[in-house]
PDB file of N, CA and C in Angstrom:
ATOM      1  N   MET A   1      14.652  17.515  -6.058  1.00  0.00           N
ATOM      2  CA  MET A   1      13.695  18.468  -5.542  1.00  0.00           C
ATOM      3  C   MET A   1      14.379  19.302  -4.470  1.00  0.00           C
ATOM      4  N   GLN A   2      14.319  20.590  -4.602  1.00  0.00           N
ATOM      5  CA  GLN A   2      14.877  21.484  -3.611  1.00  0.00           C
ATOM      6  C   GLN A   2      13.802  21.736  -2.559  1.00  0.00           C
ATOM      7  N   THR A   3      14.160  21.610  -1.286  1.00  0.00           N
ATOM      8  CA  THR A   3      13.157  21.745  -0.238  1.00  0.00           C
ATOM      9  C   THR A   3      13.491  22.890   0.697  1.00  0.00           C
ATOM     10  N   GLU A   4      12.481  23.368   1.388  1.00  0.00           N
ATOM     11  CA  GLU A   4      12.611  24.393   2.419  1.00  0.00           C
ATOM     12  C   GLU A   4      11.768  23.955   3.602  1.00  0.00           C
ATOM     13  N   THR A   5      12.076  24.499   4.753  1.00  0.00           N
ATOM     14  CA  THR A   5      11.328  24.189   5.964  1.00  0.00           C
ATOM     15  C   THR A   5      10.305  25.279   6.216  1.00  0.00           C
ATOM     16  N   LEU A   6       9.115  24.859   6.643  1.00  0.00           N
ATOM     17  CA  LEU A   6       8.033  25.792   6.952  1.00  0.00           C
ATOM     18  C   LEU A   6       7.544  25.503   8.363  1.00  0.00           C
ATOM     19  N   ALA A   7       7.509  26.506   9.195  1.00  0.00           N
ATOM     20  CA  ALA A   7       6.989  26.356  10.557  1.00  0.00           C
ATOM     21  C   ALA A   7       5.566  26.902  10.588  1.00  0.00           C
ATOM     22  N   ILE A   8       4.646  26.109  11.138  1.00  0.00           N
ATOM     23  CA  ILE A   8       3.252  26.555  11.246  1.00  0.00           C
ATOM     24  C   ILE A   8       2.762  26.301  12.673  1.00  0.00           C
ATOM     25  N   ARG A   9       1.751  27.030  13.064  1.00  0.00           N
ATOM     26  CA  ARG A   9       1.133  26.828  14.371  1.00  0.00           C
ATOM     27  C   ARG A   9      -0.177  26.081  14.158  1.00  0.00           C
ATOM     28  N   ILE A  10      -0.307  24.963  14.858  1.00  0.00           N
ATOM     29  CA  ILE A  10      -1.548  24.194  14.816  1.00  0.00           C
ATOM     30  C   ILE A  10      -1.927  23.841  16.254  1.00  0.00           C
ATOM     31  N   SER A  11      -3.195  23.553  16.437  1.00  0.00           N
ATOM     32  CA  SER A  11      -3.669  23.213  17.786  1.00  0.00           C
ATOM     33  C   SER A  11      -3.176  21.821  18.179  1.00  0.00           C
ATOM     34  N   LYS A  12      -3.273  21.517  19.479  1.00  0.00           N
ATOM     35  CA  LYS A  12      -2.880  20.186  19.953  1.00  0.00           C
ATOM     36  C   LYS A  12      -3.752  19.118  19.308  1.00  0.00           C
ATOM     37  N   ALA A  13      -5.022  19.418  19.141  1.00  0.00           N
ATOM     38  CA  ALA A  13      -5.937  18.448  18.532  1.00  0.00           C
ATOM     39  C   ALA A  13      -5.550  18.180  17.076  1.00  0.00           C
ATOM     40  N   GLU A  14      -5.179  19.247  16.351  1.00  0.00           N
ATOM     41  CA  GLU A  14      -4.742  19.066  14.962  1.00  0.00           C
ATOM     42  C   GLU A  14      -3.444  18.263  14.896  1.00  0.00           C
ATOM     43  N   ARG A  15      -2.525  18.554  15.805  1.00  0.00           N
ATOM     44  CA  ARG A  15      -1.245  17.828  15.837  1.00  0.00           C
ATOM     45  C   ARG A  15      -1.471  16.350  16.151  1.00  0.00           C
ATOM     46  N   THR A  16      -2.345  16.069  17.094  1.00  0.00           N
ATOM     47  CA  THR A  16      -2.671  14.685  17.441  1.00  0.00           C
ATOM     48  C   THR A  16      -3.302  13.971  16.253  1.00  0.00           C
ATOM     49  N   ALA A  17      -4.232  14.647  15.589  1.00  0.00           N
ATOM     50  CA  ALA A  17      -4.890  14.056  14.421  1.00  0.00           C
ATOM     51  C   ALA A  17      -3.886  13.808  13.298  1.00  0.00           C
ATOM     52  N   LEU A  18      -2.965  14.740  13.104  1.00  0.00           N
ATOM     53  CA  LEU A  18      -1.943  14.596  12.067  1.00  0.00           C
ATOM     54  C   LEU A  18      -1.050  13.393  12.361  1.00  0.00           C
ATOM     55  N   ARG A  19      -0.590  13.284  13.604  1.00  0.00           N
ATOM     56  CA  ARG A  19       0.251  12.142  13.995  1.00  0.00           C
ATOM     57  C   ARG A  19      -0.472  10.814  13.792  1.00  0.00           C
ATOM     58  N   GLN A  20      -1.738  10.758  14.243  1.00  0.00           N
ATOM     59  CA  GLN A  20      -2.504   9.516  14.124  1.00  0.00           C
ATOM     60  C   GLN A  20      -2.723   9.126  12.663  1.00  0.00           C
ATOM     61  N   ARG A  21      -3.055  10.097  11.841  1.00  0.00           N
ATOM     62  CA  ARG A  21      -3.305   9.814  10.425  1.00  0.00           C
ATOM     63  C   ARG A  21      -2.021   9.365   9.729  1.00  0.00           C
ATOM     64  N   ALA A  22      -0.918  10.027  10.037  1.00  0.00           N
ATOM     65  CA  ALA A  22       0.370   9.659   9.438  1.00  0.00           C
ATOM     66  C   ALA A  22       0.762   8.252   9.867  1.00  0.00           C
ATOM     67  N   ARG A  23       0.577   7.943  11.130  1.00  0.00           N
ATOM     68  CA  ARG A  23       0.891   6.610  11.630  1.00  0.00           C
ATOM     69  C   ARG A  23      -0.011   5.563  10.972  1.00  0.00           C
ATOM     70  N   LYS A  24      -1.288   5.872  10.836  1.00  0.00           N
ATOM     71  CA  LYS A  24      -2.256   4.942  10.228  1.00  0.00           C
ATOM     72  C   LYS A  24      -1.897   4.652   8.771  1.00  0.00           C
ATOM     73  N   GLU A  25      -1.482   5.679   8.026  1.00  0.00           N
ATOM     74  CA  GLU A  25      -1.152   5.511   6.610  1.00  0.00           C
ATOM     75  C   GLU A  25       0.313   5.148   6.387  1.00  0.00           C
ATOM     76  N   LYS A  26       1.078   5.068   7.480  1.00  0.00           N
ATOM     77  CA  LYS A  26       2.493   4.692   7.421  1.00  0.00           C
ATOM     78  C   LYS A  26       3.300   5.617   6.509  1.00  0.00           C
ATOM     79  N   VAL A  27       3.074   6.912   6.702  1.00  0.00           N
ATOM     80  CA  VAL A  27       3.838   7.946   5.989  1.00  0.00           C
ATOM     81  C   VAL A  27       4.286   8.976   7.014  1.00  0.00           C
ATOM     82  N   SER A  28       5.234   9.808   6.633  1.00  0.00           N
ATOM     83  CA  SER A  28       5.670  10.864   7.552  1.00  0.00           C
ATOM     84  C   SER A  28       4.605  11.961   7.606  1.00  0.00           C
ATOM     85  N   GLN A  29       4.676  12.748   8.664  1.00  0.00           N
ATOM     86  CA  GLN A  29       3.742  13.864   8.785  1.00  0.00           C
ATOM     87  C   GLN A  29       3.954  14.864   7.650  1.00  0.00           C
ATOM     88  N   GLY A  30       5.209  15.072   7.271  1.00  0.00           N
ATOM     89  CA  GLY A  30       5.508  15.978   6.165  1.00  0.00           C
ATOM     90  C   GLY A  30       4.901  15.500   4.854  1.00  0.00           C
ATOM     91  N   ASP A  31       5.002  14.171   4.581  1.00  0.00           N
ATOM     92  CA  ASP A  31       4.402  13.624   3.360  1.00  0.00           C
ATOM     93  C   ASP A  31       2.894  13.823   3.360  1.00  0.00           C
ATOM     94  N   LEU A  32       2.283  13.643   4.527  1.00  0.00           N
ATOM     95  CA  LEU A  32       0.843  13.818   4.626  1.00  0.00           C
ATOM     96  C   LEU A  32       0.447  15.272   4.352  1.00  0.00           C
ATOM     97  N   VAL A  33       1.198  16.215   4.888  1.00  0.00           N
ATOM     98  CA  VAL A  33       0.914  17.638   4.649  1.00  0.00           C
ATOM     99  C   VAL A  33       1.140  17.988   3.183  1.00  0.00           C
ATOM    100  N   ARG A  34       2.231  17.468   2.577  1.00  0.00           N
ATOM    101  CA  ARG A  34       2.479  17.739   1.155  1.00  0.00           C
ATOM    102  C   ARG A  34       1.349  17.181   0.284  1.00  0.00           C
ATOM    103  N   ARG A  35       0.850  15.996   0.626  1.00  0.00           N
ATOM    104  CA  ARG A  35      -0.276  15.429  -0.124  1.00  0.00           C
ATOM    105  C   ARG A  35      -1.507  16.318   0.002  1.00  0.00           C
ATOM    106  N   ALA A  36      -1.747  16.835   1.199  1.00  0.00           N
ATOM    107  CA  ALA A  36      -2.901  17.720   1.409  1.00  0.00           C
ATOM    108  C   ALA A  36      -2.754  19.002   0.594  1.00  0.00           C
ATOM    109  N   LEU A  37      -1.537  19.536   0.540  1.00  0.00           N
ATOM    110  CA  LEU A  37      -1.299  20.741  -0.257  1.00  0.00           C
ATOM    111  C   LEU A  37      -1.539  20.482  -1.742  1.00  0.00           C
ATOM    112  N   ARG A  38      -1.082  19.339  -2.243  1.00  0.00           N
ATOM    113  CA  ARG A  38      -1.339  18.998  -3.657  1.00  0.00           C
ATOM    114  C   ARG A  38      -2.834  18.851  -3.918  1.00  0.00           C
ATOM    115  N   ALA A  39      -3.546  18.189  -2.981  1.00  0.00           N
ATOM    116  CA  ALA A  39      -4.996  17.991  -3.150  1.00  0.00           C
ATOM    117  C   ALA A  39      -5.738  19.326  -3.137  1.00  0.00           C
ATOM    118  N   TYR A  40      -5.233  20.275  -2.397  1.00  0.00           N
ATOM    119  CA  TYR A  40      -5.849  21.596  -2.312  1.00  0.00           C
ATOM    120  C   TYR A  40      -5.495  22.464  -3.513  1.00  0.00           C
ATOM    121  N   GLY A  41      -4.531  22.011  -4.311  1.00  0.00           N
ATOM    122  CA  GLY A  41      -4.160  22.750  -5.503  1.00  0.00           C
ATOM    123  C   GLY A  41      -3.052  23.761  -5.287  1.00  0.00           C
ATOM    124  N   VAL A  42      -2.372  23.688  -4.149  1.00  0.00           N
ATOM    125  CA  VAL A  42      -1.319  24.643  -3.842  1.00  0.00           C
ATOM    126  C   VAL A  42      -0.012  24.262  -4.534  1.00  0.00           C
ATOM    127  N   THR A  43       0.266  22.988  -4.651  1.00  0.00           N
ATOM    128  CA  THR A  43       1.512  22.528  -5.271  1.00  0.00           C
ATOM    129  C   THR A  43       1.196  21.659  -6.475  1.00  0.00           C
ATOM    130  N   PRO A  44       2.080  21.619  -7.449  1.00  0.00           N
ATOM    131  CA  PRO A  44       1.842  20.778  -8.627  1.00  0.00           C
ATOM    132  C   PRO A  44       1.999  19.304  -8.280  1.00  0.00           C
ATOM    133  N   HIS A  45       1.314  18.476  -9.036  1.00  0.00           N
ATOM    134  CA  HIS A  45       1.463  17.030  -8.867  1.00  0.00           C
ATOM    135  C   HIS A  45       2.822  16.615  -9.408  1.00  0.00           C
ATOM    136  N   PRO A  46       3.455  15.637  -8.781  1.00  0.00           N
ATOM    137  CA  PRO A  46       4.752  15.186  -9.293  1.00  0.00           C
ATOM    138  C   PRO A  46       4.592  14.555 -10.675  1.00  0.00           C
ATOM    139  N   ALA A  47       5.631  14.665 -11.478  1.00  0.00           N
ATOM    140  CA  ALA A  47       5.589  14.064 -12.816  1.00  0.00           C
ATOM    141  C   ALA A  47       5.474  12.552 -12.685  1.00  0.00           C
ATOM    142  N   PRO A  48       4.674  11.922 -13.546  1.00  0.00           N
ATOM    143  CA  PRO A  48       4.545  10.461 -13.470  1.00  0.00           C
ATOM    144  C   PRO A  48       5.875   9.797 -13.774  1.00  0.00           C
ATOM    145  N   ALA A  49       6.081   8.630 -13.182  1.00  0.00           N
ATOM    146  CA  ALA A  49       7.316   7.880 -13.425  1.00  0.00           C
ATOM    147  C   ALA A  49       7.390   7.485 -14.900  1.00  0.00           C
ATOM    148  N   GLN A  50       8.585   7.549 -15.463  1.00  0.00           N
ATOM    149  CA  GLN A  50       8.772   7.212 -16.863  1.00  0.00           C
ATOM    150  C   GLN A  50       9.342   5.806 -16.991  1.00  0.00           C
ATOM    151  N   THR A  51       8.928   5.113 -18.028  1.00  0.00           N
ATOM    152  CA  THR A  51       9.499   3.810 -18.336  1.00  0.00           C
ATOM    153  C   THR A  51      10.768   4.022 -19.150  1.00  0.00           C
ATOM    154  N   GLY A  52      11.547   2.956 -19.315  1.00  0.00           N
ATOM    155  CA  GLY A  52      12.737   3.038 -20.153  1.00  0.00           C
ATOM    156  C   GLY A  52      12.377   3.439 -21.573  1.00  0.00           C
ATOM    157  N   TYR A  53      11.262   2.919 -22.062  1.00  0.00           N
ATOM    158  CA  TYR A  53      10.804   3.263 -23.411  1.00  0.00           C
ATOM    159  C   TYR A  53      10.513   4.762 -23.515  1.00  0.00           C
ATOM    160  N   ASP A  54       9.832   5.315 -22.505  1.00  0.00           N
ATOM    161  CA  ASP A  54       9.516   6.747 -22.525  1.00  0.00           C
ATOM    162  C   ASP A  54      10.773   7.602 -22.625  1.00  0.00           C
ATOM    163  N   VAL A  55      11.843   7.160 -21.968  1.00  0.00           N
ATOM    164  CA  VAL A  55      13.084   7.922 -21.950  1.00  0.00           C
ATOM    165  C   VAL A  55      13.760   7.938 -23.318  1.00  0.00           C
ATOM    166  N   ILE A  56      13.710   6.795 -24.062  1.00  0.00           N
ATOM    167  CA  ILE A  56      14.457   6.708 -25.326  1.00  0.00           C
ATOM    168  C   ILE A  56      13.591   6.700 -26.578  1.00  0.00           C
ATOM    169  N   LYS A  57      12.278   6.835 -26.444  1.00  0.00           N
ATOM    170  CA  LYS A  57      11.416   6.694 -27.618  1.00  0.00           C
ATOM    171  C   LYS A  57      11.729   7.701 -28.722  1.00  0.00           C
ATOM    172  N   HIS A  58      12.251   8.862 -28.376  1.00  0.00           N
ATOM    173  CA  HIS A  58      12.587   9.852 -29.405  1.00  0.00           C
ATOM    174  C   HIS A  58      13.809   9.419 -30.227  1.00  0.00           C
ATOM    175  N   LEU A  59      14.550   8.428 -29.741  1.00  0.00           N
ATOM    176  CA  LEU A  59      15.733   7.955 -30.468  1.00  0.00           C
ATOM    177  C   LEU A  59      15.441   6.760 -31.372  1.00  0.00           C
ATOM    178  N   ILE A  60      14.348   6.079 -31.147  1.00  0.00           N
ATOM    179  CA  ILE A  60      14.031   4.870 -31.904  1.00  0.00           C
ATOM    180  C   ILE A  60      13.789   5.213 -33.372  1.00  0.00           C
ATOM    181  N   GLY A  61      14.492   4.504 -34.239  1.00  0.00           N
ATOM    182  CA  GLY A  61      14.351   4.709 -35.675  1.00  0.00           C
ATOM    183  C   GLY A  61      15.202   5.839 -36.218  1.00  0.00           C
ATOM    184  N   ARG A  62      16.047   6.453 -35.408  1.00  0.00           N
ATOM    185  CA  ARG A  62      16.857   7.595 -35.837  1.00  0.00           C
ATOM    186  C   ARG A  62      18.177   7.175 -36.496  1.00  0.00           C
ATOM    187  N   CYS A  63      18.644   5.993 -36.187  1.00  0.00           N
ATOM    188  CA  CYS A  63      19.949   5.547 -36.678  1.00  0.00           C
ATOM    189  C   CYS A  63      19.833   5.084 -38.129  1.00  0.00           C
ATOM    190  N   GLN A  64      20.668   5.610 -38.989  1.00  0.00           N
ATOM    191  CA  GLN A  64      20.657   5.242 -40.398  1.00  0.00           C
ATOM    192  C   GLN A  64      21.915   4.429 -40.712  1.00  0.00           C
ATOM    193  N   GLY A  65      21.778   3.450 -41.568  1.00  0.00           N
ATOM    194  CA  GLY A  65      22.922   2.634 -41.964  1.00  0.00           C
ATOM    195  C   GLY A  65      23.201   1.544 -40.951  1.00  0.00           C
ATOM    196  N   GLY A  66      24.284   0.822 -41.177  1.00  0.00           N
ATOM    197  CA  GLY A  66      24.641  -0.289 -40.298  1.00  0.00           C
ATOM    198  C   GLY A  66      23.943  -1.562 -40.730  1.00  0.00           C
ATOM    199  N   PRO A  67      24.463  -2.703 -40.304  1.00  0.00           N
ATOM    200  CA  PRO A  67      23.856  -3.973 -40.697  1.00  0.00           C
ATOM    201  C   PRO A  67      22.499  -4.192 -40.038  1.00  0.00           C
ATOM    202  N   ARG A  68      21.575  -4.783 -40.783  1.00  0.00           N
ATOM    203  CA  ARG A  68      20.229  -5.024 -40.274  1.00  0.00           C
ATOM    204  C   ARG A  68      20.191  -6.212 -39.324  1.00  0.00           C
ATOM    205  N   ASP A  69      21.196  -7.085 -39.388  1.00  0.00           N
ATOM    206  CA  ASP A  69      21.208  -8.281 -38.548  1.00  0.00           C
ATOM    207  C   ASP A  69      22.271  -8.192 -37.449  1.00  0.00           C
ATOM    208  N   LEU A  70      22.518  -7.012 -36.944  1.00  0.00           N
ATOM    209  CA  LEU A  70      23.583  -6.772 -35.982  1.00  0.00           C
ATOM    210  C   LEU A  70      23.452  -7.641 -34.730  1.00  0.00           C
ATOM    211  N   SER A  71      22.265  -7.833 -34.242  1.00  0.00           N
ATOM    212  CA  SER A  71      22.100  -8.578 -32.996  1.00  0.00           C
ATOM    213  C   SER A  71      21.942 -10.078 -33.196  1.00  0.00           C
ATOM    214  N   THR A  72      21.784 -10.544 -34.419  1.00  0.00           N
ATOM    215  CA  THR A  72      21.539 -11.969 -34.636  1.00  0.00           C
ATOM    216  C   THR A  72      22.638 -12.683 -35.413  1.00  0.00           C
ATOM    217  N   ASN A  73      23.441 -11.979 -36.173  1.00  0.00           N
ATOM    218  CA  ASN A  73      24.479 -12.603 -36.990  1.00  0.00           C
ATOM    219  C   ASN A  73      25.730 -12.831 -36.137  1.00  0.00           C
ATOM    220  N   PRO A  74      26.155 -14.117 -35.977  1.00  0.00           N
ATOM    221  CA  PRO A  74      27.332 -14.422 -35.157  1.00  0.00           C
ATOM    222  C   PRO A  74      28.611 -13.723 -35.645  1.00  0.00           C
ATOM    223  N   ALA A  75      28.701 -13.413 -36.921  1.00  0.00           N
ATOM    224  CA  ALA A  75      29.895 -12.746 -37.436  1.00  0.00           C
ATOM    225  C   ALA A  75      30.072 -11.362 -36.810  1.00  0.00           C
ATOM    226  N   HIS A  76      28.974 -10.694 -36.479  1.00  0.00           N
ATOM    227  CA  HIS A  76      29.059  -9.363 -35.846  1.00  0.00           C
ATOM    228  C   HIS A  76      29.402  -9.462 -34.370  1.00  0.00           C
ATOM    229  N   LEU A  77      29.155 -10.633 -33.772  1.00  0.00           N
ATOM    230  CA  LEU A  77      29.370 -10.805 -32.346  1.00  0.00           C
ATOM    231  C   LEU A  77      30.691 -11.473 -32.014  1.00  0.00           C
ATOM    232  N   ALA A  78      31.514 -11.775 -33.007  1.00  0.00           N
ATOM    233  CA  ALA A  78      32.750 -12.541 -32.805  1.00  0.00           C
ATOM    234  C   ALA A  78      33.671 -11.896 -31.783  1.00  0.00           C
ATOM    235  N   ASP A  79      33.870 -10.601 -31.819  1.00  0.00           N
ATOM    236  CA  ASP A  79      34.807  -9.935 -30.905  1.00  0.00           C
ATOM    237  C   ASP A  79      34.118  -9.208 -29.754  1.00  0.00           C
ATOM    238  N   HIS A  80      32.837  -9.444 -29.593  1.00  0.00           N
ATOM    239  CA  HIS A  80      32.072  -8.740 -28.542  1.00  0.00           C
ATOM    240  C   HIS A  80      32.619  -9.125 -27.166  1.00  0.00           C
ATOM    241  N   GLY A  81      32.918  -8.135 -26.364  1.00  0.00           N
ATOM    242  CA  GLY A  81      33.385  -8.362 -25.003  1.00  0.00           C
ATOM    243  C   GLY A  81      34.877  -8.514 -24.871  1.00  0.00           C
ATOM    244  N   ARG A  82      35.583  -8.456 -25.944  1.00  0.00           N
ATOM    245  CA  ARG A  82      37.036  -8.560 -25.899  1.00  0.00           C
ATOM    246  C   ARG A  82      37.618  -7.184 -26.198  1.00  0.00           C
ATOM    247  N   GLY A  83      38.694  -6.900 -25.562  1.00  0.00           N
ATOM    248  CA  GLY A  83      39.307  -5.656 -25.955  1.00  0.00           C
ATOM    249  C   GLY A  83      39.890  -4.938 -24.865  1.00  0.00           C
TER     250      GLY A  83
END
């Protein structure tokens, strides 16, 4: 994520409230402001985390040929790890 710095003017009361809320939720003030911007619809929501399956699912079933018992037949595993 590429970031930029934004300077804004807020009242002392707003700054105090921001600090207290950030401390209460154990997040940085910047994270709290970014969350507020997303909730207001100004910034897009981050993409959901992907599982390993999500990353490779387009590859499953694509390989043609090869032995069907590659992972279970000891004859295929004889030289595995040597070389």
